[in-house]
């Protein structure tokens, strides 16, 4: 069974993505921010993390840095808004965040996300 930790502060988006991934057979744990997600990672083994960048309490960049300390090989997909707004708000140069395995820009189509999840998980098995 493949478990995905989905870190997204927008409840409706988190629920929609969770529902989509569950339709494709994944078990999904939802977290509203990086701190909550770190708690989940201490309790539950996961195969993949999908995280937003702009979140309260702990942004995605700080969250990814913490995950890399505890789980250096855990695949991480960054799913965030338009690169311009994200780079401005977080002061980073690109949507390709250090430590992230892959990135997808919101809004995305369900089939795009599922295809990326499948690819990242397949690459992680190698």
PDB file of N, CA and C in Angstrom:
ATOM      1  N   UNK A   1       0.847  -1.184   0.000  1.00  0.00           N
ATOM      2  CA  UNK A   1       0.000   0.000   0.000  1.00  0.00           C
ATOM      3  C   UNK A   1       0.893   1.249   0.000  1.00  0.00           C
ATOM      4  N   UNK A   2       0.569   2.199  -0.855  1.00  0.00           N
ATOM      5  CA  UNK A   2       1.335   3.430  -0.968  1.00  0.00           C
ATOM      6  C   UNK A   2       0.626   4.547  -0.216  1.00  0.00           C
ATOM      7  N   UNK A   3       1.322   5.137   0.743  1.00  0.00           N
ATOM      8  CA  UNK A   3       0.766   6.236   1.524  1.00  0.00           C
ATOM      9  C   UNK A   3       1.442   7.536   1.120  1.00  0.00           C
ATOM     10  N   UNK A   4       0.607   8.549   0.865  1.00  0.00           N
ATOM     11  CA  UNK A   4       1.087   9.873   0.470  1.00  0.00           C
ATOM     12  C   UNK A   4       0.705  10.867   1.558  1.00  0.00           C
ATOM     13  N   UNK A   5       1.649  11.696   1.950  1.00  0.00           N
ATOM     14  CA  UNK A   5       1.377  12.797   2.870  1.00  0.00           C
ATOM     15  C   UNK A   5       1.175  14.052   2.039  1.00  0.00           C
ATOM     16  N   UNK A   6      -0.012  14.624   2.120  1.00  0.00           N
ATOM     17  CA  UNK A   6      -0.392  15.803   1.350  1.00  0.00           C
ATOM     18  C   UNK A   6      -0.429  17.008   2.287  1.00  0.00           C
ATOM     19  N   UNK A   7       0.438  17.989   2.037  1.00  0.00           N
ATOM     20  CA  UNK A   7       0.556  19.157   2.906  1.00  0.00           C
ATOM     21  C   UNK A   7       0.041  20.375   2.140  1.00  0.00           C
ATOM     22  N   UNK A   8      -1.131  20.849   2.529  1.00  0.00           N
ATOM     23  CA  UNK A   8      -1.801  21.945   1.816  1.00  0.00           C
ATOM     24  C   UNK A   8      -2.699  22.670   2.804  1.00  0.00           C
ATOM     25  N   UNK A   9      -2.529  24.003   2.910  1.00  0.00           N
ATOM     26  CA  UNK A   9      -3.324  24.761   3.877  1.00  0.00           C
ATOM     27  C   UNK A   9      -4.725  25.098   3.379  1.00  0.00           C
ATOM     28  N   UNK A  10      -4.955  25.077   2.085  1.00  0.00           N
ATOM     29  CA  UNK A  10      -6.296  25.343   1.554  1.00  0.00           C
ATOM     30  C   UNK A  10      -7.118  24.059   1.640  1.00  0.00           C
ATOM     31  N   UNK A  11      -8.107  24.057   2.554  1.00  0.00           N
ATOM     32  CA  UNK A  11      -8.850  22.843   2.873  1.00  0.00           C
ATOM     33  C   UNK A  11      -9.538  22.234   1.649  1.00  0.00           C
ATOM     34  N   UNK A  12     -10.227  23.037   0.859  1.00  0.00           N
ATOM     35  CA  UNK A  12     -10.948  22.491  -0.292  1.00  0.00           C
ATOM     36  C   UNK A  12     -10.002  21.870  -1.310  1.00  0.00           C
ATOM     37  N   UNK A  13      -8.887  22.508  -1.543  1.00  0.00           N
ATOM     38  CA  UNK A  13      -7.908  21.955  -2.473  1.00  0.00           C
ATOM     39  C   UNK A  13      -7.329  20.655  -1.918  1.00  0.00           C
ATOM     40  N   UNK A  14      -6.981  20.666  -0.626  1.00  0.00           N
ATOM     41  CA  UNK A  14      -6.434  19.462   0.002  1.00  0.00           C
ATOM     42  C   UNK A  14      -7.421  18.297  -0.103  1.00  0.00           C
ATOM     43  N   UNK A  15      -8.679  18.564   0.184  1.00  0.00           N
ATOM     44  CA  UNK A  15      -9.685  17.507   0.114  1.00  0.00           C
ATOM     45  C   UNK A  15      -9.886  17.006  -1.314  1.00  0.00           C
ATOM     46  N   UNK A  16      -9.862  17.917  -2.276  1.00  0.00           N
ATOM     47  CA  UNK A  16     -10.033  17.525  -3.672  1.00  0.00           C
ATOM     48  C   UNK A  16      -8.893  16.661  -4.173  1.00  0.00           C
ATOM     49  N   UNK A  17      -7.663  17.068  -3.858  1.00  0.00           N
ATOM     50  CA  UNK A  17      -6.487  16.297  -4.279  1.00  0.00           C
ATOM     51  C   UNK A  17      -6.477  14.945  -3.569  1.00  0.00           C
ATOM     52  N   UNK A  18      -6.816  14.948  -2.291  1.00  0.00           N
ATOM     53  CA  UNK A  18      -6.854  13.703  -1.523  1.00  0.00           C
ATOM     54  C   UNK A  18      -7.848  12.730  -2.142  1.00  0.00           C
ATOM     55  N   UNK A  19      -9.031  13.221  -2.467  1.00  0.00           N
ATOM     56  CA  UNK A  19     -10.060  12.381  -3.072  1.00  0.00           C
ATOM     57  C   UNK A  19      -9.579  11.810  -4.417  1.00  0.00           C
ATOM     58  N   UNK A  20      -8.955  12.649  -5.229  1.00  0.00           N
ATOM     59  CA  UNK A  20      -8.443  12.204  -6.528  1.00  0.00           C
ATOM     60  C   UNK A  20      -7.420  11.087  -6.356  1.00  0.00           C
ATOM     61  N   UNK A  21      -6.469  11.285  -5.466  1.00  0.00           N
ATOM     62  CA  UNK A  21      -5.426  10.280  -5.266  1.00  0.00           C
ATOM     63  C   UNK A  21      -5.994   8.985  -4.694  1.00  0.00           C
ATOM     64  N   UNK A  22      -6.991   9.100  -3.832  1.00  0.00           N
ATOM     65  CA  UNK A  22      -7.610   7.899  -3.262  1.00  0.00           C
ATOM     66  C   UNK A  22      -8.352   7.094  -4.327  1.00  0.00           C
ATOM     67  N   UNK A  23      -8.944   7.780  -5.305  1.00  0.00           N
ATOM     68  CA  UNK A  23      -9.606   7.094  -6.414  1.00  0.00           C
ATOM     69  C   UNK A  23      -8.596   6.217  -7.161  1.00  0.00           C
ATOM     70  N   UNK A  24      -7.347   6.671  -7.221  1.00  0.00           N
ATOM     71  CA  UNK A  24      -6.299   5.921  -7.911  1.00  0.00           C
ATOM     72  C   UNK A  24      -5.608   4.899  -7.005  1.00  0.00           C
ATOM     73  N   UNK A  25      -6.165   4.671  -5.815  1.00  0.00           N
ATOM     74  CA  UNK A  25      -5.694   3.599  -4.954  1.00  0.00           C
ATOM     75  C   UNK A  25      -4.664   3.968  -3.905  1.00  0.00           C
ATOM     76  N   UNK A  26      -4.374   5.255  -3.780  1.00  0.00           N
ATOM     77  CA  UNK A  26      -3.397   5.680  -2.780  1.00  0.00           C
ATOM     78  C   UNK A  26      -4.085   5.951  -1.445  1.00  0.00           C
ATOM     79  N   UNK A  27      -3.378   5.711  -0.360  1.00  0.00           N
ATOM     80  CA  UNK A  27      -3.818   6.143   0.953  1.00  0.00           C
ATOM     81  C   UNK A  27      -3.223   7.530   1.152  1.00  0.00           C
ATOM     82  N   UNK A  28      -4.049   8.499   1.553  1.00  0.00           N
ATOM     83  CA  UNK A  28      -3.583   9.885   1.658  1.00  0.00           C
ATOM     84  C   UNK A  28      -3.841  10.417   3.062  1.00  0.00           C
ATOM     85  N   UNK A  29      -2.805  11.002   3.640  1.00  0.00           N
ATOM     86  CA  UNK A  29      -2.907  11.696   4.920  1.00  0.00           C
ATOM     87  C   UNK A  29      -2.829  13.186   4.606  1.00  0.00           C
ATOM     88  N   UNK A  30      -3.799  13.950   5.061  1.00  0.00           N
ATOM     89  CA  UNK A  30      -3.801  15.390   4.831  1.00  0.00           C
ATOM     90  C   UNK A  30      -3.262  16.146   6.033  1.00  0.00           C
ATOM     91  N   UNK A  31      -2.463  17.168   5.756  1.00  0.00           N
ATOM     92  CA  UNK A  31      -1.941  18.042   6.808  1.00  0.00           C
ATOM     93  C   UNK A  31      -2.098  19.487   6.348  1.00  0.00           C
ATOM     94  N   UNK A  32      -2.432  20.378   7.274  1.00  0.00           N
ATOM     95  CA  UNK A  32      -2.693  21.769   6.941  1.00  0.00           C
ATOM     96  C   UNK A  32      -1.472  22.674   6.933  1.00  0.00           C
ATOM     97  N   UNK A  33      -0.353  22.185   7.469  1.00  0.00           N
ATOM     98  CA  UNK A  33       0.874  22.988   7.473  1.00  0.00           C
ATOM     99  C   UNK A  33       2.066  22.072   7.724  1.00  0.00           C
ATOM    100  N   UNK A  34       3.254  22.639   7.603  1.00  0.00           N
ATOM    101  CA  UNK A  34       4.471  21.859   7.743  1.00  0.00           C
ATOM    102  C   UNK A  34       4.666  21.242   9.119  1.00  0.00           C
ATOM    103  N   UNK A  35       4.267  21.950  10.168  1.00  0.00           N
ATOM    104  CA  UNK A  35       4.431  21.405  11.524  1.00  0.00           C
ATOM    105  C   UNK A  35       3.562  20.172  11.720  1.00  0.00           C
ATOM    106  N   UNK A  36       2.316  20.246  11.283  1.00  0.00           N
ATOM    107  CA  UNK A  36       1.415  19.095  11.378  1.00  0.00           C
ATOM    108  C   UNK A  36       1.967  17.927  10.558  1.00  0.00           C
ATOM    109  N   UNK A  37       2.495  18.236   9.382  1.00  0.00           N
ATOM    110  CA  UNK A  37       3.054  17.198   8.514  1.00  0.00           C
ATOM    111  C   UNK A  37       4.261  16.519   9.161  1.00  0.00           C
ATOM    112  N   UNK A  38       5.115  17.292   9.817  1.00  0.00           N
ATOM    113  CA  UNK A  38       6.269  16.699  10.503  1.00  0.00           C
ATOM    114  C   UNK A  38       5.817  15.741  11.601  1.00  0.00           C
ATOM    115  N   UNK A  39       4.740  16.092  12.306  1.00  0.00           N
ATOM    116  CA  UNK A  39       4.177  15.187  13.324  1.00  0.00           C
ATOM    117  C   UNK A  39       3.732  13.872  12.675  1.00  0.00           C
ATOM    118  N   UNK A  40       3.050  13.965  11.534  1.00  0.00           N
ATOM    119  CA  UNK A  40       2.618  12.765  10.824  1.00  0.00           C
ATOM    120  C   UNK A  40       3.815  11.913  10.416  1.00  0.00           C
ATOM    121  N   UNK A  41       4.874  12.545   9.937  1.00  0.00           N
ATOM    122  CA  UNK A  41       6.050  11.795   9.490  1.00  0.00           C
ATOM    123  C   UNK A  41       6.725  11.037  10.638  1.00  0.00           C
ATOM    124  N   UNK A  42       6.595  11.548  11.846  1.00  0.00           N
ATOM    125  CA  UNK A  42       7.151  10.843  13.004  1.00  0.00           C
ATOM    126  C   UNK A  42       6.346   9.594  13.332  1.00  0.00           C
ATOM    127  N   UNK A  43       5.042   9.616  13.018  1.00  0.00           N
ATOM    128  CA  UNK A  43       4.139   8.540  13.413  1.00  0.00           C
ATOM    129  C   UNK A  43       3.894   7.499  12.329  1.00  0.00           C
ATOM    130  N   UNK A  44       3.967   7.902  11.063  1.00  0.00           N
ATOM    131  CA  UNK A  44       3.478   7.072   9.977  1.00  0.00           C
ATOM    132  C   UNK A  44       4.479   7.009   8.832  1.00  0.00           C
ATOM    133  N   UNK A  45       4.823   5.809   8.383  1.00  0.00           N
ATOM    134  CA  UNK A  45       5.685   5.714   7.206  1.00  0.00           C
ATOM    135  C   UNK A  45       4.914   6.118   5.942  1.00  0.00           C
ATOM    136  N   UNK A  46       5.525   6.951   5.125  1.00  0.00           N
ATOM    137  CA  UNK A  46       4.895   7.365   3.866  1.00  0.00           C
ATOM    138  C   UNK A  46       5.869   7.117   2.711  1.00  0.00           C
ATOM    139  N   UNK A  47       5.300   6.981   1.518  1.00  0.00           N
ATOM    140  CA  UNK A  47       6.099   6.724   0.322  1.00  0.00           C
ATOM    141  C   UNK A  47       6.430   7.992  -0.442  1.00  0.00           C
ATOM    142  N   UNK A  48       5.632   9.047  -0.195  1.00  0.00           N
ATOM    143  CA  UNK A  48       5.752  10.281  -0.971  1.00  0.00           C
ATOM    144  C   UNK A  48       5.140  11.428  -0.192  1.00  0.00           C
ATOM    145  N   UNK A  49       5.724  12.618  -0.336  1.00  0.00           N
ATOM    146  CA  UNK A  49       5.149  13.849   0.220  1.00  0.00           C
ATOM    147  C   UNK A  49       4.816  14.772  -0.943  1.00  0.00           C
ATOM    148  N   UNK A  50       3.622  15.361  -0.899  1.00  0.00           N
ATOM    149  CA  UNK A  50       3.253  16.437  -1.823  1.00  0.00           C
ATOM    150  C   UNK A  50       3.012  17.654  -0.940  1.00  0.00           C
ATOM    151  N   UNK A  51       3.730  18.741  -1.197  1.00  0.00           N
ATOM    152  CA  UNK A  51       3.606  19.907  -0.330  1.00  0.00           C
ATOM    153  C   UNK A  51       3.441  21.210  -1.105  1.00  0.00           C
ATOM    154  N   UNK A  52       2.652  22.077  -0.525  1.00  0.00           N
ATOM    155  CA  UNK A  52       2.539  23.455  -0.976  1.00  0.00           C
ATOM    156  C   UNK A  52       3.786  24.186  -0.461  1.00  0.00           C
ATOM    157  N   UNK A  53       4.032  25.377  -0.983  1.00  0.00           N
ATOM    158  CA  UNK A  53       5.153  26.181  -0.477  1.00  0.00           C
ATOM    159  C   UNK A  53       4.698  27.272   0.470  1.00  0.00           C
ATOM    160  N   UNK A  54       3.625  27.966   0.114  1.00  0.00           N
ATOM    161  CA  UNK A  54       3.162  29.091   0.913  1.00  0.00           C
ATOM    162  C   UNK A  54       2.100  28.586   1.891  1.00  0.00           C
ATOM    163  N   UNK A  55       2.502  28.462   3.166  1.00  0.00           N
ATOM    164  CA  UNK A  55       1.614  27.942   4.208  1.00  0.00           C
ATOM    165  C   UNK A  55       1.889  28.666   5.515  1.00  0.00           C
ATOM    166  N   UNK A  56       0.916  28.662   6.423  1.00  0.00           N
ATOM    167  CA  UNK A  56       1.140  29.264   7.740  1.00  0.00           C
ATOM    168  C   UNK A  56       2.033  28.370   8.608  1.00  0.00           C
ATOM    169  N   UNK A  57       2.545  28.915   9.670  1.00  0.00           N
ATOM    170  CA  UNK A  57       3.352  28.243  10.689  1.00  0.00           C
ATOM    171  C   UNK A  57       4.726  27.819  10.186  1.00  0.00           C
ATOM    172  N   UNK A  58       4.782  27.093   9.074  1.00  0.00           N
ATOM    173  CA  UNK A  58       6.056  26.658   8.505  1.00  0.00           C
ATOM    174  C   UNK A  58       5.876  26.574   6.998  1.00  0.00           C
ATOM    175  N   UNK A  59       6.625  27.377   6.244  1.00  0.00           N
ATOM    176  CA  UNK A  59       6.461  27.335   4.791  1.00  0.00           C
ATOM    177  C   UNK A  59       7.078  26.058   4.218  1.00  0.00           C
ATOM    178  N   UNK A  60       6.790  25.801   2.957  1.00  0.00           N
ATOM    179  CA  UNK A  60       7.227  24.570   2.315  1.00  0.00           C
ATOM    180  C   UNK A  60       8.726  24.411   2.223  1.00  0.00           C
ATOM    181  N   UNK A  61       9.441  25.515   2.047  1.00  0.00           N
ATOM    182  CA  UNK A  61      10.901  25.444   1.962  1.00  0.00           C
ATOM    183  C   UNK A  61      11.475  24.943   3.290  1.00  0.00           C
ATOM    184  N   UNK A  62      11.027  25.524   4.399  1.00  0.00           N
ATOM    185  CA  UNK A  62      11.495  25.096   5.725  1.00  0.00           C
ATOM    186  C   UNK A  62      11.065  23.658   6.014  1.00  0.00           C
ATOM    187  N   UNK A  63       9.859  23.308   5.592  1.00  0.00           N
ATOM    188  CA  UNK A  63       9.361  21.949   5.784  1.00  0.00           C
ATOM    189  C   UNK A  63      10.241  20.939   5.045  1.00  0.00           C
ATOM    190  N   UNK A  64      10.551  21.227   3.788  1.00  0.00           N
ATOM    191  CA  UNK A  64      11.379  20.320   2.992  1.00  0.00           C
ATOM    192  C   UNK A  64      12.762  20.167   3.636  1.00  0.00           C
ATOM    193  N   UNK A  65      13.325  21.263   4.140  1.00  0.00           N
ATOM    194  CA  UNK A  65      14.628  21.183   4.807  1.00  0.00           C
ATOM    195  C   UNK A  65      14.576  20.228   5.999  1.00  0.00           C
ATOM    196  N   UNK A  66      13.496  20.303   6.776  1.00  0.00           N
ATOM    197  CA  UNK A  66      13.347  19.418   7.937  1.00  0.00           C
ATOM    198  C   UNK A  66      13.160  17.962   7.512  1.00  0.00           C
ATOM    199  N   UNK A  67      12.356  17.746   6.462  1.00  0.00           N
ATOM    200  CA  UNK A  67      12.124  16.383   5.976  1.00  0.00           C
ATOM    201  C   UNK A  67      13.446  15.768   5.526  1.00  0.00           C
ATOM    202  N   UNK A  68      14.266  16.539   4.820  1.00  0.00           N
ATOM    203  CA  UNK A  68      15.538  16.023   4.302  1.00  0.00           C
ATOM    204  C   UNK A  68      16.478  15.588   5.432  1.00  0.00           C
ATOM    205  N   UNK A  69      16.385  16.230   6.600  1.00  0.00           N
ATOM    206  CA  UNK A  69      17.213  15.840   7.744  1.00  0.00           C
ATOM    207  C   UNK A  69      16.801  14.449   8.240  1.00  0.00           C
ATOM    208  N   UNK A  70      15.505  14.237   8.378  1.00  0.00           N
ATOM    209  CA  UNK A  70      14.988  12.977   8.930  1.00  0.00           C
ATOM    210  C   UNK A  70      14.841  11.871   7.883  1.00  0.00           C
ATOM    211  N   UNK A  71      14.496  12.262   6.648  1.00  0.00           N
ATOM    212  CA  UNK A  71      14.181  11.300   5.584  1.00  0.00           C
ATOM    213  C   UNK A  71      14.862  11.737   4.288  1.00  0.00           C
ATOM    214  N   UNK A  72      16.169  11.563   4.195  1.00  0.00           N
ATOM    215  CA  UNK A  72      16.906  12.109   3.047  1.00  0.00           C
ATOM    216  C   UNK A  72      16.483  11.562   1.683  1.00  0.00           C
ATOM    217  N   UNK A  73      15.898  10.376   1.641  1.00  0.00           N
ATOM    218  CA  UNK A  73      15.547   9.768   0.359  1.00  0.00           C
ATOM    219  C   UNK A  73      14.053   9.778   0.049  1.00  0.00           C
ATOM    220  N   UNK A  74      13.250  10.384   0.905  1.00  0.00           N
ATOM    221  CA  UNK A  74      11.806  10.418   0.694  1.00  0.00           C
ATOM    222  C   UNK A  74      11.471  11.346  -0.471  1.00  0.00           C
ATOM    223  N   UNK A  75      10.772  10.848  -1.498  1.00  0.00           N
ATOM    224  CA  UNK A  75      10.408  11.719  -2.623  1.00  0.00           C
ATOM    225  C   UNK A  75       9.447  12.825  -2.180  1.00  0.00           C
ATOM    226  N   UNK A  76       9.686  14.029  -2.699  1.00  0.00           N
ATOM    227  CA  UNK A  76       8.854  15.190  -2.377  1.00  0.00           C
ATOM    228  C   UNK A  76       8.468  15.896  -3.667  1.00  0.00           C
ATOM    229  N   UNK A  77       7.158  16.088  -3.845  1.00  0.00           N
ATOM    230  CA  UNK A  77       6.655  16.886  -4.959  1.00  0.00           C
ATOM    231  C   UNK A  77       6.178  18.220  -4.388  1.00  0.00           C
ATOM    232  N   UNK A  78       6.666  19.310  -4.965  1.00  0.00           N
ATOM    233  CA  UNK A  78       6.179  20.638  -4.601  1.00  0.00           C
ATOM    234  C   UNK A  78       5.035  20.979  -5.542  1.00  0.00           C
ATOM    235  N   UNK A  79       3.885  21.314  -4.962  1.00  0.00           N
ATOM    236  CA  UNK A  79       2.720  21.745  -5.742  1.00  0.00           C
ATOM    237  C   UNK A  79       2.382  23.144  -5.268  1.00  0.00           C
ATOM    238  N   UNK A  80       2.648  24.137  -6.108  1.00  0.00           N
ATOM    239  CA  UNK A  80       2.422  25.498  -5.649  1.00  0.00           C
ATOM    240  C   UNK A  80       1.897  26.370  -6.770  1.00  0.00           C
ATOM    241  N   UNK A  81       1.468  27.568  -6.374  1.00  0.00           N
ATOM    242  CA  UNK A  81       0.882  28.515  -7.317  1.00  0.00           C
ATOM    243  C   UNK A  81       1.878  28.999  -8.346  1.00  0.00           C
ATOM    244  N   UNK A  82       1.497  30.012  -9.077  1.00  0.00           N
ATOM    245  CA  UNK A  82       2.337  30.516 -10.160  1.00  0.00           C
ATOM    246  C   UNK A  82       3.730  30.830  -9.643  1.00  0.00           C
ATOM    247  N   UNK A  83       4.749  30.497 -10.423  1.00  0.00           N
ATOM    248  CA  UNK A  83       6.122  30.704  -9.957  1.00  0.00           C
ATOM    249  C   UNK A  83       6.413  32.143  -9.545  1.00  0.00           C
ATOM    250  N   UNK A  84       5.844  33.114 -10.250  1.00  0.00           N
ATOM    251  CA  UNK A  84       6.127  34.512  -9.924  1.00  0.00           C
ATOM    252  C   UNK A  84       5.672  34.873  -8.521  1.00  0.00           C
ATOM    253  N   UNK A  85       4.444  34.508  -8.174  1.00  0.00           N
ATOM    254  CA  UNK A  85       3.940  34.881  -6.853  1.00  0.00           C
ATOM    255  C   UNK A  85       4.681  34.131  -5.751  1.00  0.00           C
ATOM    256  N   UNK A  86       4.987  32.869  -5.985  1.00  0.00           N
ATOM    257  CA  UNK A  86       5.687  32.081  -4.975  1.00  0.00           C
ATOM    258  C   UNK A  86       7.109  32.596  -4.777  1.00  0.00           C
ATOM    259  N   UNK A  87       7.807  32.855  -5.860  1.00  0.00           N
ATOM    260  CA  UNK A  87       9.195  33.312  -5.730  1.00  0.00           C
ATOM    261  C   UNK A  87       9.260  34.668  -5.031  1.00  0.00           C
ATOM    262  N   UNK A  88       8.287  35.530  -5.311  1.00  0.00           N
ATOM    263  CA  UNK A  88       8.238  36.832  -4.641  1.00  0.00           C
ATOM    264  C   UNK A  88       7.986  36.658  -3.145  1.00  0.00           C
ATOM    265  N   UNK A  89       7.010  35.839  -2.794  1.00  0.00           N
ATOM    266  CA  UNK A  89       6.626  35.704  -1.395  1.00  0.00           C
ATOM    267  C   UNK A  89       7.688  35.007  -0.557  1.00  0.00           C
ATOM    268  N   UNK A  90       8.397  34.051  -1.146  1.00  0.00           N
ATOM    269  CA  UNK A  90       9.383  33.291  -0.374  1.00  0.00           C
ATOM    270  C   UNK A  90      10.815  33.729  -0.623  1.00  0.00           C
ATOM    271  N   UNK A  91      11.007  34.656  -1.574  1.00  0.00           N
ATOM    272  CA  UNK A  91      12.342  35.146  -1.852  1.00  0.00           C
ATOM    273  C   UNK A  91      13.263  34.093  -2.439  1.00  0.00           C
ATOM    274  N   UNK A  92      12.692  33.205  -3.246  1.00  0.00           N
ATOM    275  CA  UNK A  92      13.519  32.191  -3.905  1.00  0.00           C
ATOM    276  C   UNK A  92      13.553  32.472  -5.398  1.00  0.00           C
ATOM    277  N   UNK A  93      14.516  31.886  -6.078  1.00  0.00           N
ATOM    278  CA  UNK A  93      14.741  32.195  -7.487  1.00  0.00           C
ATOM    279  C   UNK A  93      13.900  31.368  -8.445  1.00  0.00           C
ATOM    280  N   UNK A  94      13.418  30.248  -8.005  1.00  0.00           N
ATOM    281  CA  UNK A  94      12.748  29.333  -8.916  1.00  0.00           C
ATOM    282  C   UNK A  94      11.775  28.457  -8.156  1.00  0.00           C
ATOM    283  N   UNK A  95      10.819  27.882  -8.850  1.00  0.00           N
ATOM    284  CA  UNK A  95       9.872  26.960  -8.230  1.00  0.00           C
ATOM    285  C   UNK A  95      10.568  25.632  -7.917  1.00  0.00           C
ATOM    286  N   UNK A  96      11.719  25.380  -8.545  1.00  0.00           N
ATOM    287  CA  UNK A  96      12.454  24.142  -8.286  1.00  0.00           C
ATOM    288  C   UNK A  96      13.216  24.300  -6.975  1.00  0.00           C
ATOM    289  N   UNK A  97      12.582  23.891  -5.909  1.00  0.00           N
ATOM    290  CA  UNK A  97      13.097  24.104  -4.563  1.00  0.00           C
ATOM    291  C   UNK A  97      14.148  23.049  -4.231  1.00  0.00           C
ATOM    292  N   UNK A  98      15.207  23.479  -3.598  1.00  0.00           N
ATOM    293  CA  UNK A  98      16.246  22.556  -3.164  1.00  0.00           C
ATOM    294  C   UNK A  98      15.633  21.472  -2.279  1.00  0.00           C
ATOM    295  N   UNK A  99      15.949  20.240  -2.581  1.00  0.00           N
ATOM    296  CA  UNK A  99      15.418  19.122  -1.801  1.00  0.00           C
ATOM    297  C   UNK A  99      14.172  18.499  -2.394  1.00  0.00           C
ATOM    298  N   UNK A 100      13.520  19.203  -3.317  1.00  0.00           N
ATOM    299  CA  UNK A 100      12.312  18.660  -3.944  1.00  0.00           C
ATOM    300  C   UNK A 100      12.701  17.703  -5.063  1.00  0.00           C
ATOM    301  N   UNK A 101      11.928  16.643  -5.196  1.00  0.00           N
ATOM    302  CA  UNK A 101      12.152  15.664  -6.257  1.00  0.00           C
ATOM    303  C   UNK A 101      11.560  16.159  -7.568  1.00  0.00           C
ATOM    304  N   UNK A 102      10.384  16.795  -7.476  1.00  0.00           N
ATOM    305  CA  UNK A 102       9.671  17.274  -8.663  1.00  0.00           C
ATOM    306  C   UNK A 102       8.753  18.415  -8.252  1.00  0.00           C
ATOM    307  N   UNK A 103       8.266  19.157  -9.249  1.00  0.00           N
ATOM    308  CA  UNK A 103       7.378  20.298  -8.994  1.00  0.00           C
ATOM    309  C   UNK A 103       6.211  20.259  -9.972  1.00  0.00           C
ATOM    310  N   UNK A 104       5.080  20.761  -9.525  1.00  0.00           N
ATOM    311  CA  UNK A 104       3.914  20.918 -10.381  1.00  0.00           C
ATOM    312  C   UNK A 104       3.263  22.258 -10.021  1.00  0.00           C
ATOM    313  N   UNK A 105       2.813  22.974 -11.041  1.00  0.00           N
ATOM    314  CA  UNK A 105       2.243  24.308 -10.840  1.00  0.00           C
ATOM    315  C   UNK A 105       0.722  24.229 -10.717  1.00  0.00           C
ATOM    316  N   UNK A 106       0.177  24.894  -9.699  1.00  0.00           N
ATOM    317  CA  UNK A 106      -1.282  25.019  -9.545  1.00  0.00           C
ATOM    318  C   UNK A 106      -1.761  26.137 -10.456  1.00  0.00           C
ATOM    319  N   UNK A 107      -2.930  26.049 -11.012  1.00  0.00           N
ATOM    320  CA  UNK A 107      -3.813  24.878 -10.962  1.00  0.00           C
ATOM    321  C   UNK A 107      -3.311  23.793 -11.909  1.00  0.00           C
ATOM    322  N   UNK A 108      -3.474  22.553 -11.514  1.00  0.00           N
ATOM    323  CA  UNK A 108      -3.074  21.433 -12.362  1.00  0.00           C
ATOM    324  C   UNK A 108      -4.279  20.520 -12.557  1.00  0.00           C
ATOM    325  N   UNK A 109      -4.226  19.728 -13.605  1.00  0.00           N
ATOM    326  CA  UNK A 109      -5.278  18.751 -13.867  1.00  0.00           C
ATOM    327  C   UNK A 109      -4.967  17.487 -13.057  1.00  0.00           C
ATOM    328  N   UNK A 110      -6.018  16.804 -12.647  1.00  0.00           N
ATOM    329  CA  UNK A 110      -5.849  15.587 -11.856  1.00  0.00           C
ATOM    330  C   UNK A 110      -4.934  14.594 -12.544  1.00  0.00           C
ATOM    331  N   UNK A 111      -5.132  14.417 -13.866  1.00  0.00           N
ATOM    332  CA  UNK A 111      -4.323  13.419 -14.578  1.00  0.00           C
ATOM    333  C   UNK A 111      -2.850  13.827 -14.607  1.00  0.00           C
ATOM    334  N   UNK A 112      -2.560  15.146 -14.610  1.00  0.00           N
ATOM    335  CA  UNK A 112      -1.163  15.597 -14.565  1.00  0.00           C
ATOM    336  C   UNK A 112      -0.527  15.224 -13.223  1.00  0.00           C
ATOM    337  N   UNK A 113      -1.268  15.449 -12.144  1.00  0.00           N
ATOM    338  CA  UNK A 113      -0.749  15.131 -10.816  1.00  0.00           C
ATOM    339  C   UNK A 113      -0.540  13.629 -10.673  1.00  0.00           C
ATOM    340  N   UNK A 114      -1.531  12.849 -11.074  1.00  0.00           N
ATOM    341  CA  UNK A 114      -1.425  11.396 -10.936  1.00  0.00           C
ATOM    342  C   UNK A 114      -0.250  10.865 -11.762  1.00  0.00           C
ATOM    343  N   UNK A 115      -0.069  11.381 -12.970  1.00  0.00           N
ATOM    344  CA  UNK A 115       1.058  10.951 -13.805  1.00  0.00           C
ATOM    345  C   UNK A 115       2.384  11.284 -13.133  1.00  0.00           C
ATOM    346  N   UNK A 116       2.487  12.471 -12.536  1.00  0.00           N
ATOM    347  CA  UNK A 116       3.716  12.858 -11.846  1.00  0.00           C
ATOM    348  C   UNK A 116       3.953  11.981 -10.617  1.00  0.00           C
ATOM    349  N   UNK A 117       2.901  11.722  -9.856  1.00  0.00           N
ATOM    350  CA  UNK A 117       3.012  10.850  -8.680  1.00  0.00           C
ATOM    351  C   UNK A 117       3.517   9.471  -9.108  1.00  0.00           C
ATOM    352  N   UNK A 118       2.928   8.914 -10.157  1.00  0.00           N
ATOM    353  CA  UNK A 118       3.346   7.594 -10.634  1.00  0.00           C
ATOM    354  C   UNK A 118       4.804   7.596 -11.066  1.00  0.00           C
ATOM    355  N   UNK A 119       5.222   8.653 -11.780  1.00  0.00           N
ATOM    356  CA  UNK A 119       6.605   8.739 -12.234  1.00  0.00           C
ATOM    357  C   UNK A 119       7.581   8.847 -11.064  1.00  0.00           C
ATOM    358  N   UNK A 120       7.273   9.728 -10.126  1.00  0.00           N
ATOM    359  CA  UNK A 120       8.172   9.928  -8.978  1.00  0.00           C
ATOM    360  C   UNK A 120       8.274   8.638  -8.149  1.00  0.00           C
ATOM    361  N   UNK A 121       7.150   7.970  -7.938  1.00  0.00           N
ATOM    362  CA  UNK A 121       7.167   6.720  -7.178  1.00  0.00           C
ATOM    363  C   UNK A 121       7.942   5.632  -7.927  1.00  0.00           C
ATOM    364  N   UNK A 122       7.771   5.560  -9.244  1.00  0.00           N
ATOM    365  CA  UNK A 122       8.500   4.568 -10.044  1.00  0.00           C
ATOM    366  C   UNK A 122      10.001   4.844 -10.001  1.00  0.00           C
ATOM    367  N   UNK A 123      10.390   6.114 -10.126  1.00  0.00           N
ATOM    368  CA  UNK A 123      11.800   6.480 -10.074  1.00  0.00           C
ATOM    369  C   UNK A 123      12.412   6.164  -8.710  1.00  0.00           C
ATOM    370  N   UNK A 124      11.606   6.296  -7.649  1.00  0.00           N
ATOM    371  CA  UNK A 124      12.092   6.047  -6.295  1.00  0.00           C
ATOM    372  C   UNK A 124      12.353   4.563  -6.062  1.00  0.00           C
ATOM    373  N   UNK A 125      11.704   3.707  -6.836  1.00  0.00           N
ATOM    374  CA  UNK A 125      11.869   2.247  -6.676  1.00  0.00           C
ATOM    375  C   UNK A 125      13.165   1.749  -7.283  1.00  0.00           C
ATOM    376  N   UNK A 126      13.764   2.549  -8.177  1.00  0.00           N
ATOM    377  CA  UNK A 126      14.956   2.107  -8.906  1.00  0.00           C
ATOM    378  C   UNK A 126      16.138   1.925  -7.982  1.00  0.00           C
TER     379      UNK A 126
END
